[in-house]
Amino acid sequence: ALKAHGLAVASLVLGIISLVIVGIGLLTGVPAAICGHAALRAIKAEPTEYGGGGMAIAGLITGYIGLFVSGVMFILMLLLWLEIID
């Protein structure tokens, strides 16, 4: 069995955190995406050495979803704040 690449594991963990704790999606979603892309690149470069491509893809998906949800929440909070100020 191939050893999962550390960046793939990091991407998945950060992506899950970005979904669970919605307010910090920007802080964890961006690193999840960066780690996921780097892991996929490293796994593709040395396929006999590393595995974990599925984890990297799951980290990318969860990281991007966390970013999207955090962005929507930020816009909604901004609109609510502007409505309160007005």
PDB file of N, CA and C in Angstrom:
ATOM      1  N   ALA A   1       0.842  -1.189   0.000  1.00  0.00           N
ATOM      2  CA  ALA A   1       0.000   0.000   0.000  1.00  0.00           C
ATOM      3  C   ALA A   1       0.882   1.246   0.000  1.00  0.00           C
ATOM      4  N   LEU A   2       0.449   2.235  -0.746  1.00  0.00           N
ATOM      5  CA  LEU A   2       1.197   3.483  -0.826  1.00  0.00           C
ATOM      6  C   LEU A   2       0.908   4.352   0.385  1.00  0.00           C
ATOM      7  N   LYS A   3       1.911   5.111   0.776  1.00  0.00           N
ATOM      8  CA  LYS A   3       1.750   6.042   1.888  1.00  0.00           C
ATOM      9  C   LYS A   3       1.060   7.299   1.372  1.00  0.00           C
ATOM     10  N   ALA A   4       0.019   7.752   2.094  1.00  0.00           N
ATOM     11  CA  ALA A   4      -0.684   8.975   1.699  1.00  0.00           C
ATOM     12  C   ALA A   4       0.251  10.170   1.859  1.00  0.00           C
ATOM     13  N   HIS A   5       0.235  11.039   0.886  1.00  0.00           N
ATOM     14  CA  HIS A   5       1.073  12.235   0.934  1.00  0.00           C
ATOM     15  C   HIS A   5       0.577  13.146   2.061  1.00  0.00           C
ATOM     16  N   GLY A   6       1.497  13.709   2.822  1.00  0.00           N
ATOM     17  CA  GLY A   6       1.142  14.562   3.954  1.00  0.00           C
ATOM     18  C   GLY A   6       0.312  15.768   3.565  1.00  0.00           C
ATOM     19  N   LEU A   7       0.585  16.331   2.383  1.00  0.00           N
ATOM     20  CA  LEU A   7      -0.199  17.482   1.938  1.00  0.00           C
ATOM     21  C   LEU A   7      -1.643  17.090   1.626  1.00  0.00           C
ATOM     22  N   ALA A   8      -1.861  15.856   1.193  1.00  0.00           N
ATOM     23  CA  ALA A   8      -3.227  15.389   0.934  1.00  0.00           C
ATOM     24  C   ALA A   8      -3.999  15.300   2.244  1.00  0.00           C
ATOM     25  N   VAL A   9      -3.347  14.780   3.270  1.00  0.00           N
ATOM     26  CA  VAL A   9      -3.985  14.684   4.587  1.00  0.00           C
ATOM     27  C   VAL A   9      -4.271  16.083   5.125  1.00  0.00           C
ATOM     28  N   ALA A  10      -3.305  16.986   5.000  1.00  0.00           N
ATOM     29  CA  ALA A  10      -3.488  18.363   5.479  1.00  0.00           C
ATOM     30  C   ALA A  10      -4.633  19.038   4.734  1.00  0.00           C
ATOM     31  N   SER A  11      -4.718  18.819   3.439  1.00  0.00           N
ATOM     32  CA  SER A  11      -5.782  19.414   2.641  1.00  0.00           C
ATOM     33  C   SER A  11      -7.151  18.933   3.115  1.00  0.00           C
ATOM     34  N   LEU A  12      -7.270  17.638   3.348  1.00  0.00           N
ATOM     35  CA  LEU A  12      -8.547  17.090   3.798  1.00  0.00           C
ATOM     36  C   LEU A  12      -8.930  17.629   5.167  1.00  0.00           C
ATOM     37  N   VAL A  13      -7.990  17.664   6.090  1.00  0.00           N
ATOM     38  CA  VAL A  13      -8.273  18.163   7.447  1.00  0.00           C
ATOM     39  C   VAL A  13      -8.691  19.630   7.393  1.00  0.00           C
ATOM     40  N   LEU A  14      -7.940  20.442   6.658  1.00  0.00           N
ATOM     41  CA  LEU A  14      -8.276  21.865   6.559  1.00  0.00           C
ATOM     42  C   LEU A  14      -9.609  22.078   5.854  1.00  0.00           C
ATOM     43  N   GLY A  15      -9.883  21.278   4.845  1.00  0.00           N
ATOM     44  CA  GLY A  15     -11.160  21.388   4.143  1.00  0.00           C
ATOM     45  C   GLY A  15     -12.333  21.052   5.040  1.00  0.00           C
ATOM     46  N   ILE A  16     -12.197  20.008   5.839  1.00  0.00           N
ATOM     47  CA  ILE A  16     -13.270  19.636   6.771  1.00  0.00           C
ATOM     48  C   ILE A  16     -13.473  20.734   7.809  1.00  0.00           C
ATOM     49  N   ILE A  17     -12.374  21.297   8.311  1.00  0.00           N
ATOM     50  CA  ILE A  17     -12.486  22.385   9.278  1.00  0.00           C
ATOM     51  C   ILE A  17     -13.196  23.583   8.655  1.00  0.00           C
ATOM     52  N   SER A  18     -12.921  23.871   7.375  1.00  0.00           N
ATOM     53  CA  SER A  18     -13.565  25.013   6.725  1.00  0.00           C
ATOM     54  C   SER A  18     -15.064  24.801   6.579  1.00  0.00           C
ATOM     55  N   LEU A  19     -15.514  23.556   6.538  1.00  0.00           N
ATOM     56  CA  LEU A  19     -16.950  23.280   6.480  1.00  0.00           C
ATOM     57  C   LEU A  19     -17.588  23.300   7.861  1.00  0.00           C
ATOM     58  N   VAL A  20     -16.888  22.759   8.843  1.00  0.00           N
ATOM     59  CA  VAL A  20     -17.457  22.637  10.186  1.00  0.00           C
ATOM     60  C   VAL A  20     -17.526  23.995  10.872  1.00  0.00           C
ATOM     61  N   ILE A  21     -16.460  24.767  10.762  1.00  0.00           N
ATOM     62  CA  ILE A  21     -16.417  26.096  11.374  1.00  0.00           C
ATOM     63  C   ILE A  21     -16.526  27.100  10.232  1.00  0.00           C
ATOM     64  N   VAL A  22     -17.765  27.447   9.892  1.00  0.00           N
ATOM     65  CA  VAL A  22     -18.038  28.193   8.668  1.00  0.00           C
ATOM     66  C   VAL A  22     -17.354  29.557   8.645  1.00  0.00           C
ATOM     67  N   GLY A  23     -17.247  30.223   9.765  1.00  0.00           N
ATOM     68  CA  GLY A  23     -16.715  31.576   9.796  1.00  0.00           C
ATOM     69  C   GLY A  23     -15.252  31.685   9.427  1.00  0.00           C
ATOM     70  N   ILE A  24     -14.514  30.582   9.509  1.00  0.00           N
ATOM     71  CA  ILE A  24     -13.074  30.664   9.214  1.00  0.00           C
ATOM     72  C   ILE A  24     -12.733  29.983   7.897  1.00  0.00           C
ATOM     73  N   GLY A  25     -13.689  29.931   6.986  1.00  0.00           N
ATOM     74  CA  GLY A  25     -13.454  29.291   5.694  1.00  0.00           C
ATOM     75  C   GLY A  25     -12.329  29.917   4.920  1.00  0.00           C
ATOM     76  N   LEU A  26     -12.152  31.230   5.059  1.00  0.00           N
ATOM     77  CA  LEU A  26     -11.069  31.894   4.346  1.00  0.00           C
ATOM     78  C   LEU A  26      -9.709  31.476   4.905  1.00  0.00           C
ATOM     79  N   LEU A  27      -9.652  31.300   6.216  1.00  0.00           N
ATOM     80  CA  LEU A  27      -8.378  30.936   6.853  1.00  0.00           C
ATOM     81  C   LEU A  27      -7.985  29.485   6.609  1.00  0.00           C
ATOM     82  N   THR A  28      -8.967  28.618   6.411  1.00  0.00           N
ATOM     83  CA  THR A  28      -8.655  27.205   6.212  1.00  0.00           C
ATOM     84  C   THR A  28      -8.951  26.725   4.795  1.00  0.00           C
ATOM     85  N   GLY A  29      -9.859  27.388   4.095  1.00  0.00           N
ATOM     86  CA  GLY A  29     -10.197  26.973   2.732  1.00  0.00           C
ATOM     87  C   GLY A  29      -9.070  27.216   1.746  1.00  0.00           C
ATOM     88  N   VAL A  30      -8.420  28.364   1.867  1.00  0.00           N
ATOM     89  CA  VAL A  30      -7.312  28.681   0.954  1.00  0.00           C
ATOM     90  C   VAL A  30      -6.146  27.706   1.146  1.00  0.00           C
ATOM     91  N   PRO A  31      -5.695  27.479   2.394  1.00  0.00           N
ATOM     92  CA  PRO A  31      -4.621  26.485   2.553  1.00  0.00           C
ATOM     93  C   PRO A  31      -5.041  25.072   2.132  1.00  0.00           C
ATOM     94  N   ALA A  32      -6.321  24.730   2.313  1.00  0.00           N
ATOM     95  CA  ALA A  32      -6.796  23.414   1.876  1.00  0.00           C
ATOM     96  C   ALA A  32      -6.651  23.273   0.372  1.00  0.00           C
ATOM     97  N   ALA A  33      -7.004  24.319  -0.363  1.00  0.00           N
ATOM     98  CA  ALA A  33      -6.884  24.283  -1.821  1.00  0.00           C
ATOM     99  C   ALA A  33      -5.422  24.234  -2.248  1.00  0.00           C
ATOM    100  N   ILE A  34      -4.591  25.033  -1.607  1.00  0.00           N
ATOM    101  CA  ILE A  34      -3.163  25.052  -1.966  1.00  0.00           C
ATOM    102  C   ILE A  34      -2.531  23.688  -1.686  1.00  0.00           C
ATOM    103  N   CYS A  35      -2.791  23.140  -0.514  1.00  0.00           N
ATOM    104  CA  CYS A  35      -2.234  21.824  -0.165  1.00  0.00           C
ATOM    105  C   CYS A  35      -2.762  20.738  -1.091  1.00  0.00           C
ATOM    106  N   GLY A  36      -4.045  20.804  -1.439  1.00  0.00           N
ATOM    107  CA  GLY A  36      -4.631  19.800  -2.326  1.00  0.00           C
ATOM    108  C   GLY A  36      -3.996  19.807  -3.694  1.00  0.00           C
ATOM    109  N   HIS A  37      -3.820  21.009  -4.260  1.00  0.00           N
ATOM    110  CA  HIS A  37      -3.191  21.097  -5.574  1.00  0.00           C
ATOM    111  C   HIS A  37      -1.727  20.640  -5.519  1.00  0.00           C
ATOM    112  N   ALA A  38      -1.019  21.037  -4.471  1.00  0.00           N
ATOM    113  CA  ALA A  38       0.388  20.627  -4.337  1.00  0.00           C
ATOM    114  C   ALA A  38       0.495  19.115  -4.151  1.00  0.00           C
ATOM    115  N   ALA A  39      -0.426  18.538  -3.384  1.00  0.00           N
ATOM    116  CA  ALA A  39      -0.411  17.088  -3.166  1.00  0.00           C
ATOM    117  C   ALA A  39      -0.671  16.345  -4.468  1.00  0.00           C
ATOM    118  N   LEU A  40      -1.657  16.800  -5.234  1.00  0.00           N
ATOM    119  CA  LEU A  40      -1.946  16.134  -6.511  1.00  0.00           C
ATOM    120  C   LEU A  40      -0.753  16.213  -7.452  1.00  0.00           C
ATOM    121  N   ARG A  41      -0.060  17.352  -7.454  1.00  0.00           N
ATOM    122  CA  ARG A  41       1.128  17.514  -8.293  1.00  0.00           C
ATOM    123  C   ARG A  41       2.229  16.539  -7.859  1.00  0.00           C
ATOM    124  N   ALA A  42       2.431  16.444  -6.534  1.00  0.00           N
ATOM    125  CA  ALA A  42       3.473  15.551  -6.013  1.00  0.00           C
ATOM    126  C   ALA A  42       3.121  14.089  -6.255  1.00  0.00           C
ATOM    127  N   ILE A  43       1.855  13.741  -6.098  1.00  0.00           N
ATOM    128  CA  ILE A  43       1.421  12.356  -6.322  1.00  0.00           C
ATOM    129  C   ILE A  43       1.574  11.995  -7.800  1.00  0.00           C
ATOM    130  N   LYS A  44       1.240  12.933  -8.675  1.00  0.00           N
ATOM    131  CA  LYS A  44       1.390  12.684 -10.112  1.00  0.00           C
ATOM    132  C   LYS A  44       2.863  12.535 -10.492  1.00  0.00           C
ATOM    133  N   ALA A  45       3.737  13.297  -9.831  1.00  0.00           N
ATOM    134  CA  ALA A  45       5.166  13.231 -10.138  1.00  0.00           C
ATOM    135  C   ALA A  45       5.785  11.918  -9.677  1.00  0.00           C
ATOM    136  N   GLU A  46       5.322  11.366  -8.556  1.00  0.00           N
ATOM    137  CA  GLU A  46       5.871  10.118  -8.017  1.00  0.00           C
ATOM    138  C   GLU A  46       4.742   9.157  -7.629  1.00  0.00           C
ATOM    139  N   PRO A  47       4.045   8.596  -8.620  1.00  0.00           N
ATOM    140  CA  PRO A  47       2.897   7.737  -8.319  1.00  0.00           C
ATOM    141  C   PRO A  47       3.253   6.423  -7.618  1.00  0.00           C
ATOM    142  N   THR A  48       4.500   5.981  -7.750  1.00  0.00           N
ATOM    143  CA  THR A  48       4.888   4.743  -7.077  1.00  0.00           C
ATOM    144  C   THR A  48       5.269   4.995  -5.618  1.00  0.00           C
ATOM    145  N   GLU A  49       5.499   6.246  -5.278  1.00  0.00           N
ATOM    146  CA  GLU A  49       5.930   6.618  -3.929  1.00  0.00           C
ATOM    147  C   GLU A  49       4.756   7.018  -3.032  1.00  0.00           C
ATOM    148  N   TYR A  50       3.833   7.808  -3.589  1.00  0.00           N
ATOM    149  CA  TYR A  50       2.762   8.390  -2.781  1.00  0.00           C
ATOM    150  C   TYR A  50       1.388   8.041  -3.307  1.00  0.00           C
ATOM    151  N   GLY A  51       0.444   7.966  -2.359  1.00  0.00           N
ATOM    152  CA  GLY A  51      -0.968   7.817  -2.663  1.00  0.00           C
ATOM    153  C   GLY A  51      -1.712   8.974  -2.033  1.00  0.00           C
ATOM    154  N   GLY A  52      -3.002   8.835  -1.904  1.00  0.00           N
ATOM    155  CA  GLY A  52      -3.796   9.866  -1.249  1.00  0.00           C
ATOM    156  C   GLY A  52      -4.433  10.853  -2.198  1.00  0.00           C
ATOM    157  N   GLY A  53      -4.519  10.486  -3.465  1.00  0.00           N
ATOM    158  CA  GLY A  53      -5.151  11.375  -4.435  1.00  0.00           C
ATOM    159  C   GLY A  53      -6.598  11.675  -4.104  1.00  0.00           C
ATOM    160  N   GLY A  54      -7.306  10.678  -3.612  1.00  0.00           N
ATOM    161  CA  GLY A  54      -8.705  10.884  -3.224  1.00  0.00           C
ATOM    162  C   GLY A  54      -8.832  11.859  -2.070  1.00  0.00           C
ATOM    163  N   MET A  55      -7.909  11.758  -1.114  1.00  0.00           N
ATOM    164  CA  MET A  55      -7.920  12.702   0.009  1.00  0.00           C
ATOM    165  C   MET A  55      -7.648  14.115  -0.473  1.00  0.00           C
ATOM    166  N   ALA A  56      -6.717  14.255  -1.404  1.00  0.00           N
ATOM    167  CA  ALA A  56      -6.396  15.581  -1.936  1.00  0.00           C
ATOM    168  C   ALA A  56      -7.597  16.176  -2.657  1.00  0.00           C
ATOM    169  N   ILE A  57      -8.291  15.363  -3.441  1.00  0.00           N
ATOM    170  CA  ILE A  57      -9.471  15.844  -4.160  1.00  0.00           C
ATOM    171  C   ILE A  57     -10.582  16.205  -3.176  1.00  0.00           C
ATOM    172  N   ALA A  58     -10.777  15.379  -2.156  1.00  0.00           N
ATOM    173  CA  ALA A  58     -11.789  15.689  -1.138  1.00  0.00           C
ATOM    174  C   ALA A  58     -11.427  16.978  -0.399  1.00  0.00           C
ATOM    175  N   GLY A  59     -10.154  17.191  -0.132  1.00  0.00           N
ATOM    176  CA  GLY A  59      -9.710  18.427   0.505  1.00  0.00           C
ATOM    177  C   GLY A  59      -9.958  19.632  -0.378  1.00  0.00           C
ATOM    178  N   LEU A  60      -9.705  19.478  -1.677  1.00  0.00           N
ATOM    179  CA  LEU A  60      -9.989  20.562  -2.622  1.00  0.00           C
ATOM    180  C   LEU A  60     -11.480  20.901  -2.631  1.00  0.00           C
ATOM    181  N   ILE A  61     -12.312  19.883  -2.725  1.00  0.00           N
ATOM    182  CA  ILE A  61     -13.761  20.111  -2.795  1.00  0.00           C
ATOM    183  C   ILE A  61     -14.265  20.766  -1.516  1.00  0.00           C
ATOM    184  N   THR A  62     -13.890  20.214  -0.370  1.00  0.00           N
ATOM    185  CA  THR A  62     -14.372  20.784   0.891  1.00  0.00           C
ATOM    186  C   THR A  62     -13.795  22.178   1.126  1.00  0.00           C
ATOM    187  N   GLY A  63     -12.553  22.394   0.720  1.00  0.00           N
ATOM    188  CA  GLY A  63     -11.948  23.722   0.875  1.00  0.00           C
ATOM    189  C   GLY A  63     -12.654  24.761   0.029  1.00  0.00           C
ATOM    190  N   TYR A  64     -12.942  24.426  -1.225  1.00  0.00           N
ATOM    191  CA  TYR A  64     -13.632  25.367  -2.102  1.00  0.00           C
ATOM    192  C   TYR A  64     -15.069  25.611  -1.640  1.00  0.00           C
ATOM    193  N   ILE A  65     -15.741  24.577  -1.168  1.00  0.00           N
ATOM    194  CA  ILE A  65     -17.101  24.771  -0.646  1.00  0.00           C
ATOM    195  C   ILE A  65     -17.060  25.658   0.591  1.00  0.00           C
ATOM    196  N   GLY A  66     -16.100  25.422   1.476  1.00  0.00           N
ATOM    197  CA  GLY A  66     -15.955  26.260   2.667  1.00  0.00           C
ATOM    198  C   GLY A  66     -15.695  27.710   2.314  1.00  0.00           C
ATOM    199  N   LEU A  67     -14.854  27.940   1.295  1.00  0.00           N
ATOM    200  CA  LEU A  67     -14.599  29.302   0.823  1.00  0.00           C
ATOM    201  C   LEU A  67     -15.875  29.948   0.289  1.00  0.00           C
ATOM    202  N   PHE A  68     -16.619  29.200  -0.508  1.00  0.00           N
ATOM    203  CA  PHE A  68     -17.847  29.731  -1.088  1.00  0.00           C
ATOM    204  C   PHE A  68     -18.865  30.085   0.001  1.00  0.00           C
ATOM    205  N   VAL A  69     -19.074  29.169   0.936  1.00  0.00           N
ATOM    206  CA  VAL A  69     -20.042  29.410   2.011  1.00  0.00           C
ATOM    207  C   VAL A  69     -19.601  30.598   2.870  1.00  0.00           C
ATOM    208  N   SER A  70     -18.321  30.696   3.163  1.00  0.00           N
ATOM    209  CA  SER A  70     -17.822  31.830   3.946  1.00  0.00           C
ATOM    210  C   SER A  70     -18.005  33.137   3.188  1.00  0.00           C
ATOM    211  N   GLY A  71     -17.788  33.122   1.886  1.00  0.00           N
ATOM    212  CA  GLY A  71     -18.003  34.320   1.073  1.00  0.00           C
ATOM    213  C   GLY A  71     -19.447  34.760   1.069  1.00  0.00           C
ATOM    214  N   VAL A  72     -20.356  33.803   0.909  1.00  0.00           N
ATOM    215  CA  VAL A  72     -21.784  34.123   0.942  1.00  0.00           C
ATOM    216  C   VAL A  72     -22.175  34.672   2.312  1.00  0.00           C
ATOM    217  N   MET A  73     -21.681  34.037   3.363  1.00  0.00           N
ATOM    218  CA  MET A  73     -21.994  34.526   4.722  1.00  0.00           C
ATOM    219  C   MET A  73     -21.446  35.929   4.931  1.00  0.00           C
ATOM    220  N   PHE A  74     -20.243  36.197   4.425  1.00  0.00           N
ATOM    221  CA  PHE A  74     -19.661  37.527   4.567  1.00  0.00           C
ATOM    222  C   PHE A  74     -20.524  38.573   3.863  1.00  0.00           C
ATOM    223  N   ILE A  75     -20.972  38.264   2.640  1.00  0.00           N
ATOM    224  CA  ILE A  75     -21.810  39.203   1.894  1.00  0.00           C
ATOM    225  C   ILE A  75     -23.132  39.433   2.611  1.00  0.00           C
ATOM    226  N   LEU A  76     -23.741  38.360   3.121  1.00  0.00           N
ATOM    227  CA  LEU A  76     -25.002  38.510   3.850  1.00  0.00           C
ATOM    228  C   LEU A  76     -24.823  39.335   5.117  1.00  0.00           C
ATOM    229  N   MET A  77     -23.739  39.105   5.838  1.00  0.00           N
ATOM    230  CA  MET A  77     -23.466  39.888   7.054  1.00  0.00           C
ATOM    231  C   MET A  77     -23.227  41.353   6.700  1.00  0.00           C
ATOM    232  N   LEU A  78     -22.513  41.603   5.610  1.00  0.00           N
ATOM    233  CA  LEU A  78     -22.256  42.971   5.176  1.00  0.00           C
ATOM    234  C   LEU A  78     -23.562  43.677   4.811  1.00  0.00           C
ATOM    235  N   LEU A  79     -24.424  42.975   4.070  1.00  0.00           N
ATOM    236  CA  LEU A  79     -25.718  43.562   3.710  1.00  0.00           C
ATOM    237  C   LEU A  79     -26.567  43.824   4.946  1.00  0.00           C
ATOM    238  N   LEU A  80     -26.553  42.919   5.895  1.00  0.00           N
ATOM    239  CA  LEU A  80     -27.300  43.106   7.126  1.00  0.00           C
ATOM    240  C   LEU A  80     -26.742  44.293   7.906  1.00  0.00           C
ATOM    241  N   TRP A  81     -25.417  44.401   7.968  1.00  0.00           N
ATOM    242  CA  TRP A  81     -24.779  45.512   8.670  1.00  0.00           C
ATOM    243  C   TRP A  81     -25.125  46.838   8.009  1.00  0.00           C
ATOM    244  N   LEU A  82     -25.088  46.872   6.683  1.00  0.00           N
ATOM    245  CA  LEU A  82     -25.434  48.116   5.972  1.00  0.00           C
ATOM    246  C   LEU A  82     -26.896  48.483   6.191  1.00  0.00           C
ATOM    247  N   GLU A  83     -27.747  47.488   6.282  1.00  0.00           N
ATOM    248  CA  GLU A  83     -29.168  47.742   6.543  1.00  0.00           C
ATOM    249  C   GLU A  83     -29.362  48.299   7.955  1.00  0.00           C
ATOM    250  N   ILE A  84     -28.604  47.801   8.896  1.00  0.00           N
ATOM    251  CA  ILE A  84     -28.709  48.280  10.273  1.00  0.00           C
ATOM    252  C   ILE A  84     -28.179  49.708  10.374  1.00  0.00           C
ATOM    253  N   ILE A  85     -27.086  49.999   9.686  1.00  0.00           N
ATOM    254  CA  ILE A  85     -26.479  51.331   9.723  1.00  0.00           C
ATOM    255  C   ILE A  85     -27.420  52.354   9.111  1.00  0.00           C
ATOM    256  N   ASP A  86     -28.082  52.003   8.037  1.00  0.00           N
ATOM    257  CA  ASP A  86     -28.961  52.920   7.317  1.00  0.00           C
ATOM    258  C   ASP A  86     -30.135  53.238   8.172  1.00  0.00           C
TER     259      ASP A  86
END
